[in-house]
């Protein structure tokens, strides 16, 4: 994803944003799935 976003957003360092995005996705998945129990 980092190279893809650099094509769309050439300015700035996109690596941290992509890392935070993927980390948010993982935790949101885990929280939604554990709540599926209820």
ModelCIF file with pLDDT and N, C-alpha, C, O atoms, coordinates in Angstrom:
data_MODEL
#
_entry.id   MODEL 
#
_entity.id                         1 
_entity.type                       polymer 
_entity.pdbx_number_of_molecules   1 
#
_entity_poly.entity_id                      1 
_entity_poly.type                           'polypeptide(L)' 
_entity_poly.nstd_linkage                   no 
_entity_poly.nstd_monomer                   no 
_entity_poly.pdbx_seq_one_letter_code       
;(UNK)(UNK)(UNK)(UNK)(UNK)(UNK)(UNK)(UNK)(UNK)(UNK)(UNK)(UNK)(UNK)(UNK)(UNK)(UNK)
(UNK)(UNK)(UNK)(UNK)(UNK)(UNK)(UNK)(UNK)(UNK)(UNK)(UNK)(UNK)(UNK)(UNK)(UNK)(UNK)
(UNK)(UNK)(UNK)(UNK)(UNK)(UNK)
;
_entity_poly.pdbx_seq_one_letter_code_can   XXXXXXXXXXXXXXXXXXXXXXXXXXXXXXXXXXXXXX 
_entity_poly.pdbx_strand_id                 A 
#
loop_
_entity_poly_seq.entity_id 
_entity_poly_seq.num 
_entity_poly_seq.mon_id 
_entity_poly_seq.hetero 
1 1  UNK n 
1 2  UNK n 
1 3  UNK n 
1 4  UNK n 
1 5  UNK n 
1 6  UNK n 
1 7  UNK n 
1 8  UNK n 
1 9  UNK n 
1 10 UNK n 
1 11 UNK n 
1 12 UNK n 
1 13 UNK n 
1 14 UNK n 
1 15 UNK n 
1 16 UNK n 
1 17 UNK n 
1 18 UNK n 
1 19 UNK n 
1 20 UNK n 
1 21 UNK n 
1 22 UNK n 
1 23 UNK n 
1 24 UNK n 
1 25 UNK n 
1 26 UNK n 
1 27 UNK n 
1 28 UNK n 
1 29 UNK n 
1 30 UNK n 
1 31 UNK n 
1 32 UNK n 
1 33 UNK n 
1 34 UNK n 
1 35 UNK n 
1 36 UNK n 
1 37 UNK n 
1 38 UNK n 
#
_struct_asym.id          A 
_struct_asym.entity_id   1 
#
loop_
_ma_qa_metric.id 
_ma_qa_metric.mode 
_ma_qa_metric.name 
_ma_qa_metric.software_group_id 
_ma_qa_metric.type 
1 global pLDDT . pLDDT 
2 local  pLDDT . pLDDT 
#
_ma_qa_metric_global.metric_id      1 
_ma_qa_metric_global.metric_value   86.79 
_ma_qa_metric_global.model_id       1 
_ma_qa_metric_global.ordinal_id     1 
#
loop_
_ma_qa_metric_local.label_asym_id 
_ma_qa_metric_local.label_comp_id 
_ma_qa_metric_local.label_seq_id 
_ma_qa_metric_local.metric_id 
_ma_qa_metric_local.metric_value 
_ma_qa_metric_local.model_id 
_ma_qa_metric_local.ordinal_id 
A UNK 1  2 88.00 1 1  
A UNK 2  2 88.00 1 2  
A UNK 3  2 87.00 1 3  
A UNK 4  2 83.00 1 4  
A UNK 5  2 84.00 1 5  
A UNK 6  2 82.00 1 6  
A UNK 7  2 76.00 1 7  
A UNK 8  2 74.00 1 8  
A UNK 9  2 72.00 1 9  
A UNK 10 2 62.00 1 10 
A UNK 11 2 62.00 1 11 
A UNK 12 2 66.00 1 12 
A UNK 13 2 74.00 1 13 
A UNK 14 2 87.00 1 14 
A UNK 15 2 90.00 1 15 
A UNK 16 2 92.00 1 16 
A UNK 17 2 92.00 1 17 
A UNK 18 2 93.00 1 18 
A UNK 19 2 95.00 1 19 
A UNK 20 2 95.00 1 20 
A UNK 21 2 96.00 1 21 
A UNK 22 2 96.00 1 22 
A UNK 23 2 97.00 1 23 
A UNK 24 2 96.00 1 24 
A UNK 25 2 96.00 1 25 
A UNK 26 2 97.00 1 26 
A UNK 27 2 97.00 1 27 
A UNK 28 2 95.00 1 28 
A UNK 29 2 94.00 1 29 
A UNK 30 2 95.00 1 30 
A UNK 31 2 94.00 1 31 
A UNK 32 2 89.00 1 32 
A UNK 33 2 90.00 1 33 
A UNK 34 2 89.00 1 34 
A UNK 35 2 86.00 1 35 
A UNK 36 2 83.00 1 36 
A UNK 37 2 84.00 1 37 
A UNK 38 2 82.00 1 38 
#
loop_
_atom_site.group_PDB 
_atom_site.id 
_atom_site.type_symbol 
_atom_site.label_atom_id 
_atom_site.label_alt_id 
_atom_site.label_comp_id 
_atom_site.label_asym_id 
_atom_site.label_entity_id 
_atom_site.label_seq_id 
_atom_site.pdbx_PDB_ins_code 
_atom_site.Cartn_x 
_atom_site.Cartn_y 
_atom_site.Cartn_z 
_atom_site.occupancy 
_atom_site.B_iso_or_equiv 
_atom_site.pdbx_formal_charge 
_atom_site.auth_seq_id 
_atom_site.auth_comp_id 
_atom_site.auth_asym_id 
_atom_site.auth_atom_id 
_atom_site.pdbx_PDB_model_num 
ATOM 1   N N  . UNK A 1 1  ? 0.807   -1.227  0.000  1.00 88.00 ? 1  UNK A N  1 
ATOM 2   C CA . UNK A 1 1  ? 0.000   0.000   0.000  1.00 88.00 ? 1  UNK A CA 1 
ATOM 3   C C  . UNK A 1 1  ? 0.839   1.276   0.000  1.00 88.00 ? 1  UNK A C  1 
ATOM 4   O O  . UNK A 1 1  ? 0.450   2.276   -0.603 1.00 88.00 ? 1  UNK A O  1 
ATOM 5   N N  . UNK A 1 2  ? 1.979   1.243   0.669  1.00 88.00 ? 2  UNK A N  1 
ATOM 6   C CA . UNK A 1 2  ? 2.807   2.454   0.749  1.00 88.00 ? 2  UNK A CA 1 
ATOM 7   C C  . UNK A 1 2  ? 3.167   2.992   -0.638 1.00 88.00 ? 2  UNK A C  1 
ATOM 8   O O  . UNK A 1 2  ? 2.990   4.186   -0.879 1.00 88.00 ? 2  UNK A O  1 
ATOM 9   N N  . UNK A 1 3  ? 3.667   2.156   -1.563 1.00 87.00 ? 3  UNK A N  1 
ATOM 10  C CA . UNK A 1 3  ? 3.962   2.674   -2.912 1.00 87.00 ? 3  UNK A CA 1 
ATOM 11  C C  . UNK A 1 3  ? 2.722   3.181   -3.646 1.00 87.00 ? 3  UNK A C  1 
ATOM 12  O O  . UNK A 1 3  ? 2.793   4.166   -4.381 1.00 87.00 ? 3  UNK A O  1 
ATOM 13  N N  . UNK A 1 4  ? 1.570   2.501   -3.446 1.00 83.00 ? 4  UNK A N  1 
ATOM 14  C CA . UNK A 1 4  ? 0.331   2.929   -4.116 1.00 83.00 ? 4  UNK A CA 1 
ATOM 15  C C  . UNK A 1 4  ? -0.084  4.315   -3.640 1.00 83.00 ? 4  UNK A C  1 
ATOM 16  O O  . UNK A 1 4  ? -0.427  5.173   -4.453 1.00 83.00 ? 4  UNK A O  1 
ATOM 17  N N  . UNK A 1 5  ? -0.054  4.542   -2.322 1.00 84.00 ? 5  UNK A N  1 
ATOM 18  C CA . UNK A 1 5  ? -0.459  5.841   -1.793 1.00 84.00 ? 5  UNK A CA 1 
ATOM 19  C C  . UNK A 1 5  ? 0.547   6.932   -2.134 1.00 84.00 ? 5  UNK A C  1 
ATOM 20  O O  . UNK A 1 5  ? 0.177   8.103   -2.225 1.00 84.00 ? 5  UNK A O  1 
ATOM 21  N N  . UNK A 1 6  ? 1.786   6.578   -2.320 1.00 82.00 ? 6  UNK A N  1 
ATOM 22  C CA . UNK A 1 6  ? 2.772   7.592   -2.717 1.00 82.00 ? 6  UNK A CA 1 
ATOM 23  C C  . UNK A 1 6  ? 2.475   8.121   -4.121 1.00 82.00 ? 6  UNK A C  1 
ATOM 24  O O  . UNK A 1 6  ? 2.818   9.260   -4.439 1.00 82.00 ? 6  UNK A O  1 
ATOM 25  N N  . UNK A 1 7  ? 1.842   7.302   -4.959 1.00 76.00 ? 7  UNK A N  1 
ATOM 26  C CA . UNK A 1 7  ? 1.438   7.770   -6.285 1.00 76.00 ? 7  UNK A CA 1 
ATOM 27  C C  . UNK A 1 7  ? 0.299   8.780   -6.183 1.00 76.00 ? 7  UNK A C  1 
ATOM 28  O O  . UNK A 1 7  ? 0.248   9.747   -6.942 1.00 76.00 ? 7  UNK A O  1 
ATOM 29  N N  . UNK A 1 8  ? -0.622  8.548   -5.233 1.00 74.00 ? 8  UNK A N  1 
ATOM 30  C CA . UNK A 1 8  ? -1.784  9.429   -5.075 1.00 74.00 ? 8  UNK A CA 1 
ATOM 31  C C  . UNK A 1 8  ? -1.446  10.651  -4.224 1.00 74.00 ? 8  UNK A C  1 
ATOM 32  O O  . UNK A 1 8  ? -1.945  11.748  -4.474 1.00 74.00 ? 8  UNK A O  1 
ATOM 33  N N  . UNK A 1 9  ? -0.595  10.451  -3.215 1.00 72.00 ? 9  UNK A N  1 
ATOM 34  C CA . UNK A 1 9  ? -0.239  11.532  -2.296 1.00 72.00 ? 9  UNK A CA 1 
ATOM 35  C C  . UNK A 1 9  ? 1.283   11.627  -2.246 1.00 72.00 ? 9  UNK A C  1 
ATOM 36  O O  . UNK A 1 9  ? 1.905   11.086  -1.332 1.00 72.00 ? 9  UNK A O  1 
ATOM 37  N N  . UNK A 1 10 ? 1.882   12.298  -3.206 1.00 62.00 ? 10 UNK A N  1 
ATOM 38  C CA . UNK A 1 10 ? 3.352   12.310  -3.302 1.00 62.00 ? 10 UNK A CA 1 
ATOM 39  C C  . UNK A 1 10 ? 4.046   13.045  -2.173 1.00 62.00 ? 10 UNK A C  1 
ATOM 40  O O  . UNK A 1 10 ? 5.199   12.750  -1.858 1.00 62.00 ? 10 UNK A O  1 
ATOM 41  N N  . UNK A 1 11 ? 3.338   14.029  -1.538 1.00 62.00 ? 11 UNK A N  1 
ATOM 42  C CA . UNK A 1 11 ? 3.999   14.809  -0.510 1.00 62.00 ? 11 UNK A CA 1 
ATOM 43  C C  . UNK A 1 11 ? 3.900   14.110  0.847  1.00 62.00 ? 11 UNK A C  1 
ATOM 44  O O  . UNK A 1 11 ? 2.892   13.473  1.153  1.00 62.00 ? 11 UNK A O  1 
ATOM 45  N N  . UNK A 1 12 ? 4.973   14.238  1.669  1.00 66.00 ? 12 UNK A N  1 
ATOM 46  C CA . UNK A 1 12 ? 4.961   13.706  3.024  1.00 66.00 ? 12 UNK A CA 1 
ATOM 47  C C  . UNK A 1 12 ? 5.273   12.218  3.094  1.00 66.00 ? 12 UNK A C  1 
ATOM 48  O O  . UNK A 1 12 ? 5.306   11.516  2.083  1.00 66.00 ? 12 UNK A O  1 
ATOM 49  N N  . UNK A 1 13 ? 5.503   11.753  4.343  1.00 74.00 ? 13 UNK A N  1 
ATOM 50  C CA . UNK A 1 13 ? 5.806   10.342  4.577  1.00 74.00 ? 13 UNK A CA 1 
ATOM 51  C C  . UNK A 1 13 ? 4.495   9.603   4.842  1.00 74.00 ? 13 UNK A C  1 
ATOM 52  O O  . UNK A 1 13 ? 3.816   9.870   5.833  1.00 74.00 ? 13 UNK A O  1 
ATOM 53  N N  . UNK A 1 14 ? 4.148   8.689   3.969  1.00 87.00 ? 14 UNK A N  1 
ATOM 54  C CA . UNK A 1 14 ? 2.879   7.983   4.059  1.00 87.00 ? 14 UNK A CA 1 
ATOM 55  C C  . UNK A 1 14 ? 2.999   6.705   4.887  1.00 87.00 ? 14 UNK A C  1 
ATOM 56  O O  . UNK A 1 14 ? 1.979   6.103   5.224  1.00 87.00 ? 14 UNK A O  1 
ATOM 57  N N  . UNK A 1 15 ? 4.222   6.273   5.225  1.00 90.00 ? 15 UNK A N  1 
ATOM 58  C CA . UNK A 1 15 ? 4.431   4.981   5.883  1.00 90.00 ? 15 UNK A CA 1 
ATOM 59  C C  . UNK A 1 15 ? 3.728   4.901   7.233  1.00 90.00 ? 15 UNK A C  1 
ATOM 60  O O  . UNK A 1 15 ? 3.053   3.912   7.520  1.00 90.00 ? 15 UNK A O  1 
ATOM 61  N N  . UNK A 1 16 ? 3.877   5.933   8.065  1.00 92.00 ? 16 UNK A N  1 
ATOM 62  C CA . UNK A 1 16 ? 3.241   5.926   9.384  1.00 92.00 ? 16 UNK A CA 1 
ATOM 63  C C  . UNK A 1 16 ? 1.722   5.864   9.249  1.00 92.00 ? 16 UNK A C  1 
ATOM 64  O O  . UNK A 1 16 ? 1.060   5.154   10.006 1.00 92.00 ? 16 UNK A O  1 
ATOM 65  N N  . UNK A 1 17 ? 1.169   6.607   8.288  1.00 92.00 ? 17 UNK A N  1 
ATOM 66  C CA . UNK A 1 17 ? -0.275  6.607   8.096  1.00 92.00 ? 17 UNK A CA 1 
ATOM 67  C C  . UNK A 1 17 ? -0.777  5.221   7.711  1.00 92.00 ? 17 UNK A C  1 
ATOM 68  O O  . UNK A 1 17 ? -1.818  4.783   8.201  1.00 92.00 ? 17 UNK A O  1 
ATOM 69  N N  . UNK A 1 18 ? -0.056  4.532   6.847  1.00 93.00 ? 18 UNK A N  1 
ATOM 70  C CA . UNK A 1 18 ? -0.463  3.190   6.427  1.00 93.00 ? 18 UNK A CA 1 
ATOM 71  C C  . UNK A 1 18 ? -0.358  2.210   7.586  1.00 93.00 ? 18 UNK A C  1 
ATOM 72  O O  . UNK A 1 18 ? -1.224  1.352   7.756  1.00 93.00 ? 18 UNK A O  1 
ATOM 73  N N  . UNK A 1 19 ? 0.711   2.333   8.392  1.00 95.00 ? 19 UNK A N  1 
ATOM 74  C CA . UNK A 1 19 ? 0.860   1.446   9.550  1.00 95.00 ? 19 UNK A CA 1 
ATOM 75  C C  . UNK A 1 19 ? -0.288  1.634   10.535 1.00 95.00 ? 19 UNK A C  1 
ATOM 76  O O  . UNK A 1 19 ? -0.859  0.656   11.016 1.00 95.00 ? 19 UNK A O  1 
ATOM 77  N N  . UNK A 1 20 ? -0.632  2.896   10.840 1.00 95.00 ? 20 UNK A N  1 
ATOM 78  C CA . UNK A 1 20 ? -1.732  3.170   11.760 1.00 95.00 ? 20 UNK A CA 1 
ATOM 79  C C  . UNK A 1 20 ? -3.064  2.694   11.180 1.00 95.00 ? 20 UNK A C  1 
ATOM 80  O O  . UNK A 1 20 ? -3.930  2.206   11.906 1.00 95.00 ? 20 UNK A O  1 
ATOM 81  N N  . UNK A 1 21 ? -3.215  2.840   9.873  1.00 96.00 ? 21 UNK A N  1 
ATOM 82  C CA . UNK A 1 21 ? -4.448  2.382   9.210  1.00 96.00 ? 21 UNK A CA 1 
ATOM 83  C C  . UNK A 1 21 ? -4.610  0.870   9.353  1.00 96.00 ? 21 UNK A C  1 
ATOM 84  O O  . UNK A 1 21 ? -5.690  0.397   9.708  1.00 96.00 ? 21 UNK A O  1 
ATOM 85  N N  . UNK A 1 22 ? -3.559  0.113   9.084  1.00 96.00 ? 22 UNK A N  1 
ATOM 86  C CA . UNK A 1 22 ? -3.645  -1.340  9.177  1.00 96.00 ? 22 UNK A CA 1 
ATOM 87  C C  . UNK A 1 22 ? -3.822  -1.796  10.620 1.00 96.00 ? 22 UNK A C  1 
ATOM 88  O O  . UNK A 1 22 ? -4.547  -2.755  10.882 1.00 96.00 ? 22 UNK A O  1 
ATOM 89  N N  . UNK A 1 23 ? -3.159  -1.110  11.567 1.00 97.00 ? 23 UNK A N  1 
ATOM 90  C CA . UNK A 1 23 ? -3.298  -1.453  12.981 1.00 97.00 ? 23 UNK A CA 1 
ATOM 91  C C  . UNK A 1 23 ? -4.732  -1.198  13.460 1.00 97.00 ? 23 UNK A C  1 
ATOM 92  O O  . UNK A 1 23 ? -5.296  -1.999  14.206 1.00 97.00 ? 23 UNK A O  1 
ATOM 93  N N  . UNK A 1 24 ? -5.306  -0.087  13.030 1.00 96.00 ? 24 UNK A N  1 
ATOM 94  C CA . UNK A 1 24 ? -6.699  0.214   13.380 1.00 96.00 ? 24 UNK A CA 1 
ATOM 95  C C  . UNK A 1 24 ? -7.644  -0.845  12.823 1.00 96.00 ? 24 UNK A C  1 
ATOM 96  O O  . UNK A 1 24 ? -8.608  -1.234  13.481 1.00 96.00 ? 24 UNK A O  1 
ATOM 97  N N  . UNK A 1 25 ? -7.363  -1.303  11.617 1.00 96.00 ? 25 UNK A N  1 
ATOM 98  C CA . UNK A 1 25 ? -8.204  -2.331  10.998 1.00 96.00 ? 25 UNK A CA 1 
ATOM 99  C C  . UNK A 1 25 ? -8.156  -3.642  11.778 1.00 96.00 ? 25 UNK A C  1 
ATOM 100 O O  . UNK A 1 25 ? -9.185  -4.289  11.972 1.00 96.00 ? 25 UNK A O  1 
ATOM 101 N N  . UNK A 1 26 ? -6.967  -4.031  12.223 1.00 97.00 ? 26 UNK A N  1 
ATOM 102 C CA . UNK A 1 26 ? -6.820  -5.284  12.974 1.00 97.00 ? 26 UNK A CA 1 
ATOM 103 C C  . UNK A 1 26 ? -7.592  -5.218  14.287 1.00 97.00 ? 26 UNK A C  1 
ATOM 104 O O  . UNK A 1 26 ? -8.335  -6.144  14.613 1.00 97.00 ? 26 UNK A O  1 
ATOM 105 N N  . UNK A 1 27 ? -7.424  -4.132  15.047 1.00 97.00 ? 27 UNK A N  1 
ATOM 106 C CA . UNK A 1 27 ? -8.112  -4.025  16.330 1.00 97.00 ? 27 UNK A CA 1 
ATOM 107 C C  . UNK A 1 27 ? -9.624  -3.884  16.162 1.00 97.00 ? 27 UNK A C  1 
ATOM 108 O O  . UNK A 1 27 ? -10.390 -4.394  16.980 1.00 97.00 ? 27 UNK A O  1 
ATOM 109 N N  . UNK A 1 28 ? -10.059 -3.190  15.095 1.00 95.00 ? 28 UNK A N  1 
ATOM 110 C CA . UNK A 1 28 ? -11.497 -3.078  14.868 1.00 95.00 ? 28 UNK A CA 1 
ATOM 111 C C  . UNK A 1 28 ? -12.093 -4.441  14.516 1.00 95.00 ? 28 UNK A C  1 
ATOM 112 O O  . UNK A 1 28 ? -13.198 -4.763  14.952 1.00 95.00 ? 28 UNK A O  1 
ATOM 113 N N  . UNK A 1 29 ? -11.373 -5.237  13.733 1.00 94.00 ? 29 UNK A N  1 
ATOM 114 C CA . UNK A 1 29 ? -11.843 -6.584  13.408 1.00 94.00 ? 29 UNK A CA 1 
ATOM 115 C C  . UNK A 1 29 ? -11.971 -7.435  14.659 1.00 94.00 ? 29 UNK A C  1 
ATOM 116 O O  . UNK A 1 29 ? -12.985 -8.104  14.857 1.00 94.00 ? 29 UNK A O  1 
ATOM 117 N N  . UNK A 1 30 ? -10.949 -7.411  15.502 1.00 95.00 ? 30 UNK A N  1 
ATOM 118 C CA . UNK A 1 30 ? -10.967 -8.209  16.725 1.00 95.00 ? 30 UNK A CA 1 
ATOM 119 C C  . UNK A 1 30 ? -12.111 -7.796  17.640 1.00 95.00 ? 30 UNK A C  1 
ATOM 120 O O  . UNK A 1 30 ? -12.768 -8.648  18.237 1.00 95.00 ? 30 UNK A O  1 
ATOM 121 N N  . UNK A 1 31 ? -12.353 -6.495  17.753 1.00 94.00 ? 31 UNK A N  1 
ATOM 122 C CA . UNK A 1 31 ? -13.429 -6.027  18.636 1.00 94.00 ? 31 UNK A CA 1 
ATOM 123 C C  . UNK A 1 31 ? -14.804 -6.392  18.081 1.00 94.00 ? 31 UNK A C  1 
ATOM 124 O O  . UNK A 1 31 ? -15.681 -6.812  18.836 1.00 94.00 ? 31 UNK A O  1 
ATOM 125 N N  . UNK A 1 32 ? -15.004 -6.238  16.776 1.00 89.00 ? 32 UNK A N  1 
ATOM 126 C CA . UNK A 1 32 ? -16.291 -6.584  16.165 1.00 89.00 ? 32 UNK A CA 1 
ATOM 127 C C  . UNK A 1 32 ? -16.566 -8.076  16.299 1.00 89.00 ? 32 UNK A C  1 
ATOM 128 O O  . UNK A 1 32 ? -17.695 -8.479  16.580 1.00 89.00 ? 32 UNK A O  1 
ATOM 129 N N  . UNK A 1 33 ? -15.537 -8.896  16.099 1.00 90.00 ? 33 UNK A N  1 
ATOM 130 C CA . UNK A 1 33 ? -15.732 -10.338 16.132 1.00 90.00 ? 33 UNK A CA 1 
ATOM 131 C C  . UNK A 1 33 ? -15.991 -10.867 17.535 1.00 90.00 ? 33 UNK A C  1 
ATOM 132 O O  . UNK A 1 33 ? -16.792 -11.786 17.703 1.00 90.00 ? 33 UNK A O  1 
ATOM 133 N N  . UNK A 1 34 ? -15.338 -10.311 18.537 1.00 89.00 ? 34 UNK A N  1 
ATOM 134 C CA . UNK A 1 34 ? -15.612 -10.769 19.900 1.00 89.00 ? 34 UNK A CA 1 
ATOM 135 C C  . UNK A 1 34 ? -17.013 -10.334 20.326 1.00 89.00 ? 34 UNK A C  1 
ATOM 136 O O  . UNK A 1 34 ? -17.671 -11.025 21.105 1.00 89.00 ? 34 UNK A O  1 
ATOM 137 N N  . UNK A 1 35 ? -17.470 -9.187  19.814 1.00 86.00 ? 35 UNK A N  1 
ATOM 138 C CA . UNK A 1 35 ? -18.832 -8.732  20.128 1.00 86.00 ? 35 UNK A CA 1 
ATOM 139 C C  . UNK A 1 35 ? -19.901 -9.534  19.384 1.00 86.00 ? 35 UNK A C  1 
ATOM 140 O O  . UNK A 1 35 ? -21.074 -9.508  19.757 1.00 86.00 ? 35 UNK A O  1 
ATOM 141 N N  . UNK A 1 36 ? -19.488 -10.252 18.324 1.00 83.00 ? 36 UNK A N  1 
ATOM 142 C CA . UNK A 1 36 ? -20.432 -11.133 17.620 1.00 83.00 ? 36 UNK A CA 1 
ATOM 143 C C  . UNK A 1 36 ? -20.943 -12.233 18.539 1.00 83.00 ? 36 UNK A C  1 
ATOM 144 O O  . UNK A 1 36 ? -22.013 -12.795 18.305 1.00 83.00 ? 36 UNK A O  1 
ATOM 145 N N  . UNK A 1 37 ? -20.185 -12.538 19.578 1.00 84.00 ? 37 UNK A N  1 
ATOM 146 C CA . UNK A 1 37 ? -20.617 -13.498 20.600 1.00 84.00 ? 37 UNK A CA 1 
ATOM 147 C C  . UNK A 1 37 ? -21.969 -13.082 21.179 1.00 84.00 ? 37 UNK A C  1 
ATOM 148 O O  . UNK A 1 37 ? -22.860 -13.916 21.343 1.00 84.00 ? 37 UNK A O  1 
ATOM 149 N N  . UNK A 1 38 ? -22.119 -11.799 21.486 1.00 82.00 ? 38 UNK A N  1 
ATOM 150 C CA . UNK A 1 38 ? -23.369 -11.311 22.067 1.00 82.00 ? 38 UNK A CA 1 
ATOM 151 C C  . UNK A 1 38 ? -24.499 -11.319 21.043 1.00 82.00 ? 38 UNK A C  1 
ATOM 152 O O  . UNK A 1 38 ? -25.625 -10.938 21.363 1.00 82.00 ? 38 UNK A O  1 
#
